[in-house]
Structure formats: structure tokens, C-alpha cells
Amino acid sequence: MPPASSPCQLRFACWNSGSETEDEETKGSDEVEG
């Protein structure tokens, strides 16, 4: 799991705890939105 140095990574960490697959999908969407 990446270090929680960025707010985005912090959110990913929370999602990753619940579902790794969901975390990957959200990453792509969130990155595009900015």
C-alpha cells in the first residue's frame, strides 16, 4: 500500500481496506477528474 502522503492516497487506502478491486476502479476515475 502506498504511503499516505497525499489526500488522494489517503482515500485510496480507505477503499483498499474494503475492496482492492473497487480501489483500482476508483483510481482511474478519480485521476481523470483531477
PDB file of N, CA and C in Angstrom:
ATOM      1  N   MET A   1       0.841  -1.197   0.000  1.00  0.00           N
ATOM      2  CA  MET A   1       0.000   0.000   0.000  1.00  0.00           C
ATOM      3  C   MET A   1       0.880   1.253   0.000  1.00  0.00           C
ATOM      4  N   PRO A   2       0.560   2.242  -0.819  1.00  0.00           N
ATOM      5  CA  PRO A   2       1.374   3.455  -0.939  1.00  0.00           C
ATOM      6  C   PRO A   2       1.298   4.291   0.337  1.00  0.00           C
ATOM      7  N   PRO A   3       2.313   5.098   0.598  1.00  0.00           N
ATOM      8  CA  PRO A   3       2.323   5.950   1.795  1.00  0.00           C
ATOM      9  C   PRO A   3       1.231   7.004   1.730  1.00  0.00           C
ATOM     10  N   ALA A   4       0.602   7.285   2.857  1.00  0.00           N
ATOM     11  CA  ALA A   4      -0.497   8.259   2.870  1.00  0.00           C
ATOM     12  C   ALA A   4       0.065   9.679   2.925  1.00  0.00           C
ATOM     13  N   SER A   5       0.776  10.067   1.890  1.00  0.00           N
ATOM     14  CA  SER A   5       1.376  11.399   1.847  1.00  0.00           C
ATOM     15  C   SER A   5       0.464  12.377   1.103  1.00  0.00           C
ATOM     16  N   SER A   6      -0.439  11.861   0.284  1.00  0.00           N
ATOM     17  CA  SER A   6      -1.351  12.710  -0.472  1.00  0.00           C
ATOM     18  C   SER A   6      -2.793  12.396  -0.102  1.00  0.00           C
ATOM     19  N   PRO A   7      -3.679  13.394  -0.164  1.00  0.00           N
ATOM     20  CA  PRO A   7      -5.093  13.181   0.157  1.00  0.00           C
ATOM     21  C   PRO A   7      -5.705  12.091  -0.712  1.00  0.00           C
ATOM     22  N   CYS A   8      -5.290  12.034  -1.983  1.00  0.00           N
ATOM     23  CA  CYS A   8      -5.809  11.007  -2.893  1.00  0.00           C
ATOM     24  C   CYS A   8      -5.432   9.622  -2.379  1.00  0.00           C
ATOM     25  N   GLN A   9      -4.154   9.467  -1.980  1.00  0.00           N
ATOM     26  CA  GLN A   9      -3.690   8.163  -1.494  1.00  0.00           C
ATOM     27  C   GLN A   9      -4.412   7.799  -0.202  1.00  0.00           C
ATOM     28  N   LEU A  10      -4.728   8.801   0.615  1.00  0.00           N
ATOM     29  CA  LEU A  10      -5.445   8.529   1.864  1.00  0.00           C
ATOM     30  C   LEU A  10      -6.804   7.919   1.542  1.00  0.00           C
ATOM     31  N   ARG A  11      -7.491   8.505   0.550  1.00  0.00           N
ATOM     32  CA  ARG A  11      -8.806   7.981   0.156  1.00  0.00           C
ATOM     33  C   ARG A  11      -8.659   6.580  -0.413  1.00  0.00           C
ATOM     34  N   PHE A  12      -7.627   6.363  -1.223  1.00  0.00           N
ATOM     35  CA  PHE A  12      -7.409   5.034  -1.814  1.00  0.00           C
ATOM     36  C   PHE A  12      -7.172   4.014  -0.711  1.00  0.00           C
ATOM     37  N   ALA A  13      -6.439   4.416   0.315  1.00  0.00           N
ATOM     38  CA  ALA A  13      -6.141   3.495   1.419  1.00  0.00           C
ATOM     39  C   ALA A  13      -7.435   3.044   2.088  1.00  0.00           C
ATOM     40  N   CYS A  14      -8.363   3.975   2.273  1.00  0.00           N
ATOM     41  CA  CYS A  14      -9.644   3.619   2.908  1.00  0.00           C
ATOM     42  C   CYS A  14     -10.389   2.620   2.029  1.00  0.00           C
ATOM     43  N   TRP A  15     -10.467   2.891   0.734  1.00  0.00           N
ATOM     44  CA  TRP A  15     -11.186   1.990  -0.183  1.00  0.00           C
ATOM     45  C   TRP A  15     -10.469   0.646  -0.275  1.00  0.00           C
ATOM     46  N   ASN A  16      -9.140   0.678  -0.305  1.00  0.00           N
ATOM     47  CA  ASN A  16      -8.374  -0.557  -0.423  1.00  0.00           C
ATOM     48  C   ASN A  16      -8.662  -1.478   0.757  1.00  0.00           C
ATOM     49  N   SER A  17      -8.890  -0.899   1.925  1.00  0.00           N
ATOM     50  CA  SER A  17      -9.168  -1.711   3.112  1.00  0.00           C
ATOM     51  C   SER A  17     -10.456  -2.508   2.911  1.00  0.00           C
ATOM     52  N   GLY A  18     -11.413  -1.918   2.184  1.00  0.00           N
ATOM     53  CA  GLY A  18     -12.701  -2.591   1.995  1.00  0.00           C
ATOM     54  C   GLY A  18     -12.678  -3.506   0.784  1.00  0.00           C
ATOM     55  N   SER A  19     -12.145  -3.019  -0.349  1.00  0.00           N
ATOM     56  CA  SER A  19     -12.152  -3.839  -1.565  1.00  0.00           C
ATOM     57  C   SER A  19     -11.035  -3.397  -2.493  1.00  0.00           C
ATOM     58  N   GLU A  20     -10.104  -4.309  -2.776  1.00  0.00           N
ATOM     59  CA  GLU A  20      -8.978  -3.959  -3.647  1.00  0.00           C
ATOM     60  C   GLU A  20      -9.459  -3.662  -5.064  1.00  0.00           C
ATOM     61  N   THR A  21     -10.419  -4.455  -5.552  1.00  0.00           N
ATOM     62  CA  THR A  21     -10.917  -4.261  -6.915  1.00  0.00           C
ATOM     63  C   THR A  21     -11.563  -2.888  -7.045  1.00  0.00           C
ATOM     64  N   GLU A  22     -12.369  -2.516  -6.065  1.00  0.00           N
ATOM     65  CA  GLU A  22     -13.048  -1.228  -6.119  1.00  0.00           C
ATOM     66  C   GLU A  22     -12.028  -0.098  -6.089  1.00  0.00           C
ATOM     67  N   ASP A  23     -10.942  -0.297  -5.334  1.00  0.00           N
ATOM     68  CA  ASP A  23      -9.906   0.715  -5.218  1.00  0.00           C
ATOM     69  C   ASP A  23      -9.296   1.013  -6.587  1.00  0.00           C
ATOM     70  N   GLU A  24      -9.015  -0.030  -7.364  1.00  0.00           N
ATOM     71  CA  GLU A  24      -8.406   0.158  -8.683  1.00  0.00           C
ATOM     72  C   GLU A  24      -9.348   0.944  -9.595  1.00  0.00           C
ATOM     73  N   GLU A  25     -10.620   0.588  -9.596  1.00  0.00           N
ATOM     74  CA  GLU A  25     -11.583   1.264 -10.470  1.00  0.00           C
ATOM     75  C   GLU A  25     -11.697   2.736 -10.090  1.00  0.00           C
ATOM     76  N   THR A  26     -11.719   3.021  -8.793  1.00  0.00           N
ATOM     77  CA  THR A  26     -11.867   4.402  -8.346  1.00  0.00           C
ATOM     78  C   THR A  26     -10.634   5.217  -8.710  1.00  0.00           C
ATOM     79  N   LYS A  27      -9.470   4.605  -8.661  1.00  0.00           N
ATOM     80  CA  LYS A  27      -8.233   5.307  -9.003  1.00  0.00           C
ATOM     81  C   LYS A  27      -8.349   5.911 -10.404  1.00  0.00           C
ATOM     82  N   GLY A  28      -8.737   5.093 -11.374  1.00  0.00           N
ATOM     83  CA  GLY A  28      -8.834   5.566 -12.749  1.00  0.00           C
ATOM     84  C   GLY A  28      -9.807   6.726 -12.867  1.00  0.00           C
ATOM     85  N   SER A  29     -10.971   6.592 -12.250  1.00  0.00           N
ATOM     86  CA  SER A  29     -11.980   7.637 -12.360  1.00  0.00           C
ATOM     87  C   SER A  29     -11.502   8.917 -11.678  1.00  0.00           C
ATOM     88  N   ASP A  30     -10.930   8.778 -10.486  1.00  0.00           N
ATOM     89  CA  ASP A  30     -10.519   9.952  -9.725  1.00  0.00           C
ATOM     90  C   ASP A  30      -9.380  10.684 -10.436  1.00  0.00           C
ATOM     91  N   GLU A  31      -8.457   9.940 -11.022  1.00  0.00           N
ATOM     92  CA  GLU A  31      -7.321  10.565 -11.708  1.00  0.00           C
ATOM     93  C   GLU A  31      -7.806  11.410 -12.886  1.00  0.00           C
ATOM     94  N   VAL A  32      -8.778  10.901 -13.624  1.00  0.00           N
ATOM     95  CA  VAL A  32      -9.288  11.627 -14.788  1.00  0.00           C
ATOM     96  C   VAL A  32      -9.979  12.915 -14.337  1.00  0.00           C
ATOM     97  N   GLU A  33     -10.733  12.832 -13.226  1.00  0.00           N
ATOM     98  CA  GLU A  33     -11.451  14.006 -12.744  1.00  0.00           C
ATOM     99  C   GLU A  33     -10.483  15.064 -12.203  1.00  0.00           C
ATOM    100  N   GLY A  34      -9.330  14.611 -11.735  1.00  0.00           N
ATOM    101  CA  GLY A  34      -8.359  15.574 -11.264  1.00  0.00           C
ATOM    102  C   GLY A  34      -8.147  15.413  -9.779  1.00  0.00           C
TER     103      GLY A  34
END
